[in-house]
Amino acid sequence: MTAGNYSLTVEQGSTLSLVITYKDSAGSAINLTGYTARMALRSDIEDSSAVLTLTTENGRIALGGGAGTVTLTVSASDTAALTAGNGVYDLELISSGGVVTRLIEGSYSIVREVTR
């Protein structure tokens, strides 16, 4: 399955919360029990360091088991520390057997906060 493409907007100083439901071609949720996930935002695909990293291990990604949900959460204080700009990202799911699936990918924009 080809990764979906999604343009992500991160608002500086606001909590980022996004829920994605992973479904099969028939529209049924895919069970994510036993999976982990990782996501990196980079200014450029060739950059060695990430602007922001989300994983199940660092608590910024939560998987919803049989519901097939992937919840991304970054606190307002963490988004406030980000520098405004644009780049690329992808989100990968890793099965308990080590199979890696790129769920979504695309560009992101970090939009400056006016009220601080």
PDB file of N, CA and C in Angstrom:
ATOM      1  N   MET A   1       0.839  -1.176   0.000  1.00  0.00           N
ATOM      2  CA  MET A   1       0.000   0.000   0.000  1.00  0.00           C
ATOM      3  C   MET A   1       0.886   1.243   0.000  1.00  0.00           C
ATOM      4  N   THR A   2       0.557   2.194  -0.830  1.00  0.00           N
ATOM      5  CA  THR A   2       1.294   3.448  -0.911  1.00  0.00           C
ATOM      6  C   THR A   2       0.899   4.370   0.235  1.00  0.00           C
ATOM      7  N   ALA A   3       1.882   5.075   0.774  1.00  0.00           N
ATOM      8  CA  ALA A   3       1.619   6.012   1.872  1.00  0.00           C
ATOM      9  C   ALA A   3       0.701   7.126   1.406  1.00  0.00           C
ATOM     10  N   GLY A   4      -0.180   7.554   2.313  1.00  0.00           N
ATOM     11  CA  GLY A   4      -1.023   8.707   2.033  1.00  0.00           C
ATOM     12  C   GLY A   4      -0.201   9.974   2.117  1.00  0.00           C
ATOM     13  N   ASN A   5      -0.653  11.029   1.476  1.00  0.00           N
ATOM     14  CA  ASN A   5       0.035  12.306   1.506  1.00  0.00           C
ATOM     15  C   ASN A   5      -0.835  13.300   2.259  1.00  0.00           C
ATOM     16  N   TYR A   6      -0.234  13.979   3.238  1.00  0.00           N
ATOM     17  CA  TYR A   6      -0.977  14.918   4.080  1.00  0.00           C
ATOM     18  C   TYR A   6      -0.080  16.103   4.399  1.00  0.00           C
ATOM     19  N   SER A   7      -0.572  17.307   4.196  1.00  0.00           N
ATOM     20  CA  SER A   7       0.153  18.522   4.569  1.00  0.00           C
ATOM     21  C   SER A   7      -0.173  18.850   6.021  1.00  0.00           C
ATOM     22  N   LEU A   8       0.834  18.864   6.860  1.00  0.00           N
ATOM     23  CA  LEU A   8       0.685  19.047   8.295  1.00  0.00           C
ATOM     24  C   LEU A   8       1.025  20.483   8.677  1.00  0.00           C
ATOM     25  N   THR A   9       0.150  21.113   9.460  1.00  0.00           N
ATOM     26  CA  THR A   9       0.419  22.444   9.988  1.00  0.00           C
ATOM     27  C   THR A   9       0.586  22.341  11.498  1.00  0.00           C
ATOM     28  N   VAL A  10       1.698  22.851  11.990  1.00  0.00           N
ATOM     29  CA  VAL A  10       1.987  22.887  13.424  1.00  0.00           C
ATOM     30  C   VAL A  10       1.950  24.349  13.834  1.00  0.00           C
ATOM     31  N   GLU A  11       1.084  24.693  14.781  1.00  0.00           N
ATOM     32  CA  GLU A  11       0.968  26.064  15.257  1.00  0.00           C
ATOM     33  C   GLU A  11       1.824  26.222  16.500  1.00  0.00           C
ATOM     34  N   GLN A  12       2.828  27.089  16.414  1.00  0.00           N
ATOM     35  CA  GLN A  12       3.712  27.362  17.537  1.00  0.00           C
ATOM     36  C   GLN A  12       2.880  27.732  18.766  1.00  0.00           C
ATOM     37  N   GLY A  13       3.188  27.144  19.912  1.00  0.00           N
ATOM     38  CA  GLY A  13       2.517  27.489  21.160  1.00  0.00           C
ATOM     39  C   GLY A  13       1.157  26.856  21.363  1.00  0.00           C
ATOM     40  N   SER A  14       0.716  26.014  20.410  1.00  0.00           N
ATOM     41  CA  SER A  14      -0.559  25.303  20.545  1.00  0.00           C
ATOM     42  C   SER A  14      -0.295  23.801  20.611  1.00  0.00           C
ATOM     43  N   THR A  15      -1.154  23.102  21.307  1.00  0.00           N
ATOM     44  CA  THR A  15      -1.036  21.650  21.369  1.00  0.00           C
ATOM     45  C   THR A  15      -1.381  21.054  20.012  1.00  0.00           C
ATOM     46  N   LEU A  16      -0.496  20.220  19.507  1.00  0.00           N
ATOM     47  CA  LEU A  16      -0.760  19.491  18.268  1.00  0.00           C
ATOM     48  C   LEU A  16      -1.443  18.184  18.640  1.00  0.00           C
ATOM     49  N   SER A  17      -2.606  17.948  18.086  1.00  0.00           N
ATOM     50  CA  SER A  17      -3.335  16.707  18.325  1.00  0.00           C
ATOM     51  C   SER A  17      -3.976  16.280  17.015  1.00  0.00           C
ATOM     52  N   LEU A  18      -3.603  15.098  16.550  1.00  0.00           N
ATOM     53  CA  LEU A  18      -4.115  14.583  15.293  1.00  0.00           C
ATOM     54  C   LEU A  18      -4.372  13.093  15.451  1.00  0.00           C
ATOM     55  N   VAL A  19      -5.551  12.642  15.033  1.00  0.00           N
ATOM     56  CA  VAL A  19      -5.898  11.222  15.096  1.00  0.00           C
ATOM     57  C   VAL A  19      -6.094  10.714  13.675  1.00  0.00           C
ATOM     58  N   ILE A  20      -5.399   9.629  13.355  1.00  0.00           N
ATOM     59  CA  ILE A  20      -5.482   8.976  12.051  1.00  0.00           C
ATOM     60  C   ILE A  20      -5.992   7.561  12.292  1.00  0.00           C
ATOM     61  N   THR A  21      -6.912   7.095  11.476  1.00  0.00           N
ATOM     62  CA  THR A  21      -7.370   5.713  11.577  1.00  0.00           C
ATOM     63  C   THR A  21      -6.847   4.940  10.377  1.00  0.00           C
ATOM     64  N   TYR A  22      -6.095   3.886  10.646  1.00  0.00           N
ATOM     65  CA  TYR A  22      -5.494   3.041   9.614  1.00  0.00           C
ATOM     66  C   TYR A  22      -6.512   1.974   9.227  1.00  0.00           C
ATOM     67  N   LYS A  23      -6.937   1.982   7.956  1.00  0.00           N
ATOM     68  CA  LYS A  23      -7.962   1.050   7.481  1.00  0.00           C
ATOM     69  C   LYS A  23      -7.464   0.264   6.277  1.00  0.00           C
ATOM     70  N   ASP A  24      -8.048  -0.908   6.089  1.00  0.00           N
ATOM     71  CA  ASP A  24      -7.729  -1.702   4.906  1.00  0.00           C
ATOM     72  C   ASP A  24      -8.578  -1.235   3.728  1.00  0.00           C
ATOM     73  N   SER A  25      -8.428  -1.874   2.581  1.00  0.00           N
ATOM     74  CA  SER A  25      -9.130  -1.445   1.368  1.00  0.00           C
ATOM     75  C   SER A  25     -10.649  -1.591   1.477  1.00  0.00           C
ATOM     76  N   ALA A  26     -11.113  -2.406   2.413  1.00  0.00           N
ATOM     77  CA  ALA A  26     -12.557  -2.576   2.623  1.00  0.00           C
ATOM     78  C   ALA A  26     -13.111  -1.556   3.611  1.00  0.00           C
ATOM     79  N   GLY A  27     -12.235  -0.728   4.187  1.00  0.00           N
ATOM     80  CA  GLY A  27     -12.681   0.284   5.136  1.00  0.00           C
ATOM     81  C   GLY A  27     -12.704  -0.176   6.588  1.00  0.00           C
ATOM     82  N   SER A  28     -12.163  -1.359   6.859  1.00  0.00           N
ATOM     83  CA  SER A  28     -12.115  -1.872   8.236  1.00  0.00           C
ATOM     84  C   SER A  28     -10.813  -1.448   8.909  1.00  0.00           C
ATOM     85  N   ALA A  29     -10.906  -1.102  10.185  1.00  0.00           N
ATOM     86  CA  ALA A  29      -9.725  -0.688  10.938  1.00  0.00           C
ATOM     87  C   ALA A  29      -8.728  -1.838  11.025  1.00  0.00           C
ATOM     88  N   ILE A  30      -7.453  -1.515  10.873  1.00  0.00           N
ATOM     89  CA  ILE A  30      -6.381  -2.502  11.008  1.00  0.00           C
ATOM     90  C   ILE A  30      -5.932  -2.518  12.461  1.00  0.00           C
ATOM     91  N   ASN A  31      -5.878  -3.710  13.043  1.00  0.00           N
ATOM     92  CA  ASN A  31      -5.501  -3.869  14.440  1.00  0.00           C
ATOM     93  C   ASN A  31      -4.018  -3.550  14.619  1.00  0.00           C
ATOM     94  N   LEU A  32      -3.721  -2.575  15.449  1.00  0.00           N
ATOM     95  CA  LEU A  32      -2.349  -2.132  15.678  1.00  0.00           C
ATOM     96  C   LEU A  32      -1.759  -2.656  16.987  1.00  0.00           C
ATOM     97  N   THR A  33      -2.396  -3.654  17.582  1.00  0.00           N
ATOM     98  CA  THR A  33      -1.868  -4.262  18.800  1.00  0.00           C
ATOM     99  C   THR A  33      -0.491  -4.849  18.505  1.00  0.00           C
ATOM    100  N   GLY A  34       0.479  -4.533  19.341  1.00  0.00           N
ATOM    101  CA  GLY A  34       1.835  -5.033  19.171  1.00  0.00           C
ATOM    102  C   GLY A  34       2.705  -4.172  18.269  1.00  0.00           C
ATOM    103  N   TYR A  35       2.149  -3.130  17.685  1.00  0.00           N
ATOM    104  CA  TYR A  35       2.901  -2.229  16.819  1.00  0.00           C
ATOM    105  C   TYR A  35       3.570  -1.122  17.630  1.00  0.00           C
ATOM    106  N   THR A  36       4.582  -0.514  17.056  1.00  0.00           N
ATOM    107  CA  THR A  36       5.150   0.744  17.530  1.00  0.00           C
ATOM    108  C   THR A  36       5.095   1.708  16.348  1.00  0.00           C
ATOM    109  N   ALA A  37       5.389   2.971  16.607  1.00  0.00           N
ATOM    110  CA  ALA A  37       5.348   3.965  15.531  1.00  0.00           C
ATOM    111  C   ALA A  37       6.418   5.008  15.756  1.00  0.00           C
ATOM    112  N   ARG A  38       6.819   5.652  14.633  1.00  0.00           N
ATOM    113  CA  ARG A  38       7.816   6.715  14.696  1.00  0.00           C
ATOM    114  C   ARG A  38       7.536   7.727  13.599  1.00  0.00           C
ATOM    115  N   MET A  39       7.879   8.971  13.890  1.00  0.00           N
ATOM    116  CA  MET A  39       7.650  10.058  12.941  1.00  0.00           C
ATOM    117  C   MET A  39       8.749  11.094  13.143  1.00  0.00           C
ATOM    118  N   ALA A  40       9.272  11.609  12.045  1.00  0.00           N
ATOM    119  CA  ALA A  40      10.293  12.653  12.128  1.00  0.00           C
ATOM    120  C   ALA A  40       9.934  13.793  11.192  1.00  0.00           C
ATOM    121  N   LEU A  41      10.106  15.015  11.673  1.00  0.00           N
ATOM    122  CA  LEU A  41       9.977  16.207  10.858  1.00  0.00           C
ATOM    123  C   LEU A  41      11.385  16.730  10.619  1.00  0.00           C
ATOM    124  N   ARG A  42      11.730  16.972   9.368  1.00  0.00           N
ATOM    125  CA  ARG A  42      13.057  17.473   9.011  1.00  0.00           C
ATOM    126  C   ARG A  42      12.900  18.677   8.087  1.00  0.00           C
ATOM    127  N   SER A  43      13.793  19.645   8.231  1.00  0.00           N
ATOM    128  CA  SER A  43      13.761  20.819   7.350  1.00  0.00           C
ATOM    129  C   SER A  43      13.993  20.406   5.908  1.00  0.00           C
ATOM    130  N   ASP A  44      14.843  19.414   5.712  1.00  0.00           N
ATOM    131  CA  ASP A  44      15.155  18.880   4.390  1.00  0.00           C
ATOM    132  C   ASP A  44      15.324  17.372   4.537  1.00  0.00           C
ATOM    133  N   ILE A  45      14.921  16.627   3.530  1.00  0.00           N
ATOM    134  CA  ILE A  45      14.990  15.166   3.602  1.00  0.00           C
ATOM    135  C   ILE A  45      16.401  14.664   3.870  1.00  0.00           C
ATOM    136  N   GLU A  46      17.417  15.444   3.484  1.00  0.00           N
ATOM    137  CA  GLU A  46      18.817  15.046   3.667  1.00  0.00           C
ATOM    138  C   GLU A  46      19.381  15.416   5.038  1.00  0.00           C
ATOM    139  N   ASP A  47      18.655  16.211   5.837  1.00  0.00           N
ATOM    140  CA  ASP A  47      19.153  16.617   7.157  1.00  0.00           C
ATOM    141  C   ASP A  47      19.340  15.403   8.057  1.00  0.00           C
ATOM    142  N   SER A  48      20.427  15.404   8.802  1.00  0.00           N
ATOM    143  CA  SER A  48      20.691  14.288   9.706  1.00  0.00           C
ATOM    144  C   SER A  48      19.940  14.427  11.032  1.00  0.00           C
ATOM    145  N   SER A  49      19.581  15.645  11.407  1.00  0.00           N
ATOM    146  CA  SER A  49      18.850  15.834  12.657  1.00  0.00           C
ATOM    147  C   SER A  49      17.403  16.245  12.376  1.00  0.00           C
ATOM    148  N   ALA A  50      16.539  15.799  13.243  1.00  0.00           N
ATOM    149  CA  ALA A  50      15.110  16.094  13.099  1.00  0.00           C
ATOM    150  C   ALA A  50      14.757  17.376  13.837  1.00  0.00           C
ATOM    151  N   VAL A  51      13.793  18.106  13.288  1.00  0.00           N
ATOM    152  CA  VAL A  51      13.227  19.284  13.935  1.00  0.00           C
ATOM    153  C   VAL A  51      12.362  18.829  15.119  1.00  0.00           C
ATOM    154  N   LEU A  52      11.664  17.710  14.912  1.00  0.00           N
ATOM    155  CA  LEU A  52      10.772  17.151  15.926  1.00  0.00           C
ATOM    156  C   LEU A  52      10.655  15.657  15.693  1.00  0.00           C
ATOM    157  N   THR A  53      10.701  14.879  16.770  1.00  0.00           N
ATOM    158  CA  THR A  53      10.562  13.427  16.690  1.00  0.00           C
ATOM    159  C   THR A  53       9.402  12.989  17.568  1.00  0.00           C
ATOM    160  N   LEU A  54       8.540  12.176  16.994  1.00  0.00           N
ATOM    161  CA  LEU A  54       7.425  11.590  17.734  1.00  0.00           C
ATOM    162  C   LEU A  54       7.567  10.077  17.645  1.00  0.00           C
ATOM    163  N   THR A  55       7.422   9.393  18.776  1.00  0.00           N
ATOM    164  CA  THR A  55       7.464   7.932  18.800  1.00  0.00           C
ATOM    165  C   THR A  55       6.497   7.417  19.858  1.00  0.00           C
ATOM    166  N   THR A  56       6.212   6.131  19.785  1.00  0.00           N
ATOM    167  CA  THR A  56       5.424   5.525  20.857  1.00  0.00           C
ATOM    168  C   THR A  56       6.259   5.505  22.141  1.00  0.00           C
ATOM    169  N   GLU A  57       7.571   5.402  21.988  1.00  0.00           N
ATOM    170  CA  GLU A  57       8.453   5.355  23.158  1.00  0.00           C
ATOM    171  C   GLU A  57       8.517   6.696  23.890  1.00  0.00           C
ATOM    172  N   ASN A  58       8.470   7.820  23.170  1.00  0.00           N
ATOM    173  CA  ASN A  58       8.549   9.119  23.864  1.00  0.00           C
ATOM    174  C   ASN A  58       7.161   9.667  24.214  1.00  0.00           C
ATOM    175  N   GLY A  59       6.107   8.876  23.954  1.00  0.00           N
ATOM    176  CA  GLY A  59       4.754   9.237  24.359  1.00  0.00           C
ATOM    177  C   GLY A  59       4.038  10.215  23.453  1.00  0.00           C
ATOM    178  N   ARG A  60       4.654  10.595  22.355  1.00  0.00           N
ATOM    179  CA  ARG A  60       4.011  11.539  21.442  1.00  0.00           C
ATOM    180  C   ARG A  60       3.128  10.832  20.409  1.00  0.00           C
ATOM    181  N   ILE A  61       3.215   9.503  20.361  1.00  0.00           N
ATOM    182  CA  ILE A  61       2.324   8.712  19.508  1.00  0.00           C
ATOM    183  C   ILE A  61       1.687   7.640  20.375  1.00  0.00           C
ATOM    184  N   ALA A  62       0.355   7.542  20.298  1.00  0.00           N
ATOM    185  CA  ALA A  62      -0.382   6.484  20.991  1.00  0.00           C
ATOM    186  C   ALA A  62      -1.141   5.681  19.940  1.00  0.00           C
ATOM    187  N   LEU A  63      -1.063   4.358  20.051  1.00  0.00           N
ATOM    188  CA  LEU A  63      -1.758   3.481  19.110  1.00  0.00           C
ATOM    189  C   LEU A  63      -2.984   2.898  19.783  1.00  0.00           C
ATOM    190  N   GLY A  64      -4.085   2.830  19.028  1.00  0.00           N
ATOM    191  CA  GLY A  64      -5.369   2.418  19.573  1.00  0.00           C
ATOM    192  C   GLY A  64      -5.744   0.973  19.349  1.00  0.00           C
ATOM    193  N   GLY A  65      -4.779   0.061  19.240  1.00  0.00           N
ATOM    194  CA  GLY A  65      -5.071  -1.364  19.139  1.00  0.00           C
ATOM    195  C   GLY A  65      -6.056  -1.701  18.044  1.00  0.00           C
ATOM    196  N   GLY A  66      -7.134  -2.390  18.415  1.00  0.00           N
ATOM    197  CA  GLY A  66      -8.140  -2.843  17.461  1.00  0.00           C
ATOM    198  C   GLY A  66      -8.893  -1.734  16.754  1.00  0.00           C
ATOM    199  N   ALA A  67      -8.888  -0.534  17.323  1.00  0.00           N
ATOM    200  CA  ALA A  67      -9.570   0.601  16.685  1.00  0.00           C
ATOM    201  C   ALA A  67      -8.771   1.139  15.498  1.00  0.00           C
ATOM    202  N   GLY A  68      -7.482   0.752  15.408  1.00  0.00           N
ATOM    203  CA  GLY A  68      -6.649   1.180  14.299  1.00  0.00           C
ATOM    204  C   GLY A  68      -6.235   2.640  14.335  1.00  0.00           C
ATOM    205  N   THR A  69      -6.357   3.271  15.486  1.00  0.00           N
ATOM    206  CA  THR A  69      -6.049   4.700  15.556  1.00  0.00           C
ATOM    207  C   THR A  69      -4.588   4.967  15.900  1.00  0.00           C
ATOM    208  N   VAL A  70      -4.085   6.046  15.326  1.00  0.00           N
ATOM    209  CA  VAL A  70      -2.753   6.557  15.605  1.00  0.00           C
ATOM    210  C   VAL A  70      -2.963   7.998  16.050  1.00  0.00           C
ATOM    211  N   THR A  71      -2.653   8.291  17.312  1.00  0.00           N
ATOM    212  CA  THR A  71      -2.864   9.624  17.852  1.00  0.00           C
ATOM    213  C   THR A  71      -1.515  10.304  18.054  1.00  0.00           C
ATOM    214  N   LEU A  72      -1.348  11.453  17.397  1.00  0.00           N
ATOM    215  CA  LEU A  72      -0.142  12.254  17.519  1.00  0.00           C
ATOM    216  C   LEU A  72      -0.430  13.401  18.475  1.00  0.00           C
ATOM    217  N   THR A  73       0.446  13.609  19.470  1.00  0.00           N
ATOM    218  CA  THR A  73       0.246  14.685  20.434  1.00  0.00           C
ATOM    219  C   THR A  73       1.585  15.322  20.771  1.00  0.00           C
ATOM    220  N   VAL A  74       1.646  16.643  20.622  1.00  0.00           N
ATOM    221  CA  VAL A  74       2.835  17.406  21.025  1.00  0.00           C
ATOM    222  C   VAL A  74       2.322  18.572  21.866  1.00  0.00           C
ATOM    223  N   SER A  75       2.900  18.753  23.037  1.00  0.00           N
ATOM    224  CA  SER A  75       2.428  19.782  23.968  1.00  0.00           C
ATOM    225  C   SER A  75       2.656  21.195  23.423  1.00  0.00           C
ATOM    226  N   ALA A  76       1.882  22.131  23.966  1.00  0.00           N
ATOM    227  CA  ALA A  76       2.006  23.539  23.585  1.00  0.00           C
ATOM    228  C   ALA A  76       3.398  24.071  23.897  1.00  0.00           C
ATOM    229  N   SER A  77       3.966  23.664  25.027  1.00  0.00           N
ATOM    230  CA  SER A  77       5.316  24.146  25.371  1.00  0.00           C
ATOM    231  C   SER A  77       6.359  23.596  24.397  1.00  0.00           C
ATOM    232  N   ASP A  78       6.162  22.380  23.915  1.00  0.00           N
ATOM    233  CA  ASP A  78       7.106  21.817  22.944  1.00  0.00           C
ATOM    234  C   ASP A  78       6.957  22.474  21.576  1.00  0.00           C
ATOM    235  N   THR A  79       5.737  22.789  21.141  1.00  0.00           N
ATOM    236  CA  THR A  79       5.578  23.459  19.848  1.00  0.00           C
ATOM    237  C   THR A  79       6.065  24.909  19.921  1.00  0.00           C
ATOM    238  N   ALA A  80       5.959  25.530  21.107  1.00  0.00           N
ATOM    239  CA  ALA A  80       6.443  26.903  21.276  1.00  0.00           C
ATOM    240  C   ALA A  80       7.950  26.992  21.061  1.00  0.00           C
ATOM    241  N   ALA A  81       8.655  25.905  21.333  1.00  0.00           N
ATOM    242  CA  ALA A  81      10.112  25.890  21.193  1.00  0.00           C
ATOM    243  C   ALA A  81      10.576  25.658  19.755  1.00  0.00           C
ATOM    244  N   LEU A  82       9.642  25.342  18.858  1.00  0.00           N
ATOM    245  CA  LEU A  82      10.002  25.079  17.464  1.00  0.00           C
ATOM    246  C   LEU A  82      10.199  26.388  16.703  1.00  0.00           C
ATOM    247  N   THR A  83      11.085  26.365  15.727  1.00  0.00           N
ATOM    248  CA  THR A  83      11.330  27.514  14.861  1.00  0.00           C
ATOM    249  C   THR A  83      10.391  27.436  13.672  1.00  0.00           C
ATOM    250  N   ALA A  84       9.756  28.553  13.345  1.00  0.00           N
ATOM    251  CA  ALA A  84       8.848  28.593  12.198  1.00  0.00           C
ATOM    252  C   ALA A  84       9.598  28.206  10.935  1.00  0.00           C
ATOM    253  N   GLY A  85       8.918  27.477  10.058  1.00  0.00           N
ATOM    254  CA  GLY A  85       9.535  27.061   8.803  1.00  0.00           C
ATOM    255  C   GLY A  85       8.782  25.907   8.178  1.00  0.00           C
ATOM    256  N   ASN A  86       9.345  25.381   7.117  1.00  0.00           N
ATOM    257  CA  ASN A  86       8.722  24.308   6.355  1.00  0.00           C
ATOM    258  C   ASN A  86       9.689  23.148   6.199  1.00  0.00           C
ATOM    259  N   GLY A  87       9.145  21.988   5.888  1.00  0.00           N
ATOM    260  CA  GLY A  87       9.981  20.816   5.683  1.00  0.00           C
ATOM    261  C   GLY A  87       9.156  19.615   5.279  1.00  0.00           C
ATOM    262  N   VAL A  88       9.714  18.440   5.544  1.00  0.00           N
ATOM    263  CA  VAL A  88       9.075  17.181   5.168  1.00  0.00           C
ATOM    264  C   VAL A  88       9.004  16.258   6.381  1.00  0.00           C
ATOM    265  N   TYR A  89       8.105  15.278   6.308  1.00  0.00           N
ATOM    266  CA  TYR A  89       7.958  14.313   7.393  1.00  0.00           C
ATOM    267  C   TYR A  89       7.437  12.997   6.821  1.00  0.00           C
ATOM    268  N   ASP A  90       7.543  11.943   7.624  1.00  0.00           N
ATOM    269  CA  ASP A  90       6.802  10.716   7.363  1.00  0.00           C
ATOM    270  C   ASP A  90       6.493  10.039   8.689  1.00  0.00           C
ATOM    271  N   LEU A  91       5.485   9.183   8.659  1.00  0.00           N
ATOM    272  CA  LEU A  91       5.023   8.442   9.826  1.00  0.00           C
ATOM    273  C   LEU A  91       5.060   6.970   9.473  1.00  0.00           C
ATOM    274  N   GLU A  92       5.799   6.195  10.267  1.00  0.00           N
ATOM    275  CA  GLU A  92       5.942   4.766  10.012  1.00  0.00           C
ATOM    276  C   GLU A  92       5.394   3.941  11.162  1.00  0.00           C
ATOM    277  N   LEU A  93       4.771   2.817  10.803  1.00  0.00           N
ATOM    278  CA  LEU A  93       4.303   1.828  11.766  1.00  0.00           C
ATOM    279  C   LEU A  93       5.224   0.617  11.667  1.00  0.00           C
ATOM    280  N   ILE A  94       5.567   0.023  12.818  1.00  0.00           N
ATOM    281  CA  ILE A  94       6.441  -1.141  12.847  1.00  0.00           C
ATOM    282  C   ILE A  94       5.699  -2.270  13.552  1.00  0.00           C
ATOM    283  N   SER A  95       5.487  -3.379  12.832  1.00  0.00           N
ATOM    284  CA  SER A  95       4.783  -4.524  13.412  1.00  0.00           C
ATOM    285  C   SER A  95       5.696  -5.249  14.395  1.00  0.00           C
ATOM    286  N   SER A  96       5.108  -6.133  15.198  1.00  0.00           N
ATOM    287  CA  SER A  96       5.908  -6.904  16.151  1.00  0.00           C
ATOM    288  C   SER A  96       6.917  -7.789  15.428  1.00  0.00           C
ATOM    289  N   GLY A  97       6.661  -8.124  14.165  1.00  0.00           N
ATOM    290  CA  GLY A  97       7.581  -8.913  13.360  1.00  0.00           C
ATOM    291  C   GLY A  97       8.636  -8.089  12.651  1.00  0.00           C
ATOM    292  N   GLY A  98       8.615  -6.766  12.837  1.00  0.00           N
ATOM    293  CA  GLY A  98       9.622  -5.894  12.252  1.00  0.00           C
ATOM    294  C   GLY A  98       9.293  -5.336  10.880  1.00  0.00           C
ATOM    295  N   VAL A  99       8.067  -5.580  10.397  1.00  0.00           N
ATOM    296  CA  VAL A  99       7.672  -5.029   9.094  1.00  0.00           C
ATOM    297  C   VAL A  99       7.352  -3.544   9.268  1.00  0.00           C
ATOM    298  N   VAL A 100       7.985  -2.694   8.444  1.00  0.00           N
ATOM    299  CA  VAL A 100       7.799  -1.254   8.515  1.00  0.00           C
ATOM    300  C   VAL A 100       6.867  -0.821   7.395  1.00  0.00           C
ATOM    301  N   THR A 101       5.823  -0.067   7.761  1.00  0.00           N
ATOM    302  CA  THR A 101       4.864   0.471   6.795  1.00  0.00           C
ATOM    303  C   THR A 101       4.833   1.977   6.936  1.00  0.00           C
ATOM    304  N   ARG A 102       5.080   2.688   5.831  1.00  0.00           N
ATOM    305  CA  ARG A 102       4.956   4.137   5.859  1.00  0.00           C
ATOM    306  C   ARG A 102       3.479   4.459   5.691  1.00  0.00           C
ATOM    307  N   LEU A 103       2.863   5.018   6.727  1.00  0.00           N
ATOM    308  CA  LEU A 103       1.427   5.295   6.718  1.00  0.00           C
ATOM    309  C   LEU A 103       1.111   6.592   5.970  1.00  0.00           C
ATOM    310  N   ILE A 104       1.769   7.686   6.365  1.00  0.00           N
ATOM    311  CA  ILE A 104       1.576   8.965   5.682  1.00  0.00           C
ATOM    312  C   ILE A 104       2.919   9.668   5.541  1.00  0.00           C
ATOM    313  N   GLU A 105       2.955  10.614   4.609  1.00  0.00           N
ATOM    314  CA  GLU A 105       4.133  11.424   4.385  1.00  0.00           C
ATOM    315  C   GLU A 105       3.677  12.751   3.807  1.00  0.00           C
ATOM    316  N   GLY A 106       4.581  13.710   3.771  1.00  0.00           N
ATOM    317  CA  GLY A 106       4.227  14.976   3.153  1.00  0.00           C
ATOM    318  C   GLY A 106       5.079  16.115   3.641  1.00  0.00           C
ATOM    319  N   SER A 107       4.536  17.298   3.478  1.00  0.00           N
ATOM    320  CA  SER A 107       5.228  18.508   3.909  1.00  0.00           C
ATOM    321  C   SER A 107       4.587  19.016   5.202  1.00  0.00           C
ATOM    322  N   TYR A 108       5.357  19.807   5.928  1.00  0.00           N
ATOM    323  CA  TYR A 108       4.811  20.446   7.123  1.00  0.00           C
ATOM    324  C   TYR A 108       5.162  21.920   7.101  1.00  0.00           C
ATOM    325  N   SER A 109       4.380  22.692   7.844  1.00  0.00           N
ATOM    326  CA  SER A 109       4.651  24.108   8.081  1.00  0.00           C
ATOM    327  C   SER A 109       4.518  24.359   9.571  1.00  0.00           C
ATOM    328  N   ILE A 110       5.513  25.014  10.138  1.00  0.00           N
ATOM    329  CA  ILE A 110       5.416  25.480  11.519  1.00  0.00           C
ATOM    330  C   ILE A 110       5.095  26.959  11.427  1.00  0.00           C
ATOM    331  N   VAL A 111       3.917  27.328  11.915  1.00  0.00           N
ATOM    332  CA  VAL A 111       3.396  28.690  11.805  1.00  0.00           C
ATOM    333  C   VAL A 111       3.692  29.438  13.101  1.00  0.00           C
ATOM    334  N   ARG A 112       4.246  30.648  12.986  1.00  0.00           N
ATOM    335  CA  ARG A 112       4.620  31.434  14.165  1.00  0.00           C
ATOM    336  C   ARG A 112       3.418  31.809  15.011  1.00  0.00           C
ATOM    337  N   GLU A 113       3.657  31.831  16.292  1.00  0.00           N
ATOM    338  CA  GLU A 113       2.668  32.254  17.269  1.00  0.00           C
ATOM    339  C   GLU A 113       2.719  33.777  17.395  1.00  0.00           C
ATOM    340  N   VAL A 114       1.566  34.415  17.447  1.00  0.00           N
ATOM    341  CA  VAL A 114       1.494  35.865  17.622  1.00  0.00           C
ATOM    342  C   VAL A 114       1.346  36.195  19.106  1.00  0.00           C
ATOM    343  N   THR A 115       0.407  35.531  19.777  1.00  0.00           N
ATOM    344  CA  THR A 115       0.162  35.773  21.191  1.00  0.00           C
ATOM    345  C   THR A 115       1.083  34.888  22.019  1.00  0.00           C
ATOM    346  N   ARG A 116       1.910  35.511  22.837  1.00  0.00           N
ATOM    347  CA  ARG A 116       2.854  34.740  23.658  1.00  0.00           C
ATOM    348  C   ARG A 116       2.719  35.087  25.100  1.00  0.00           C
TER     349      ARG A 116
END
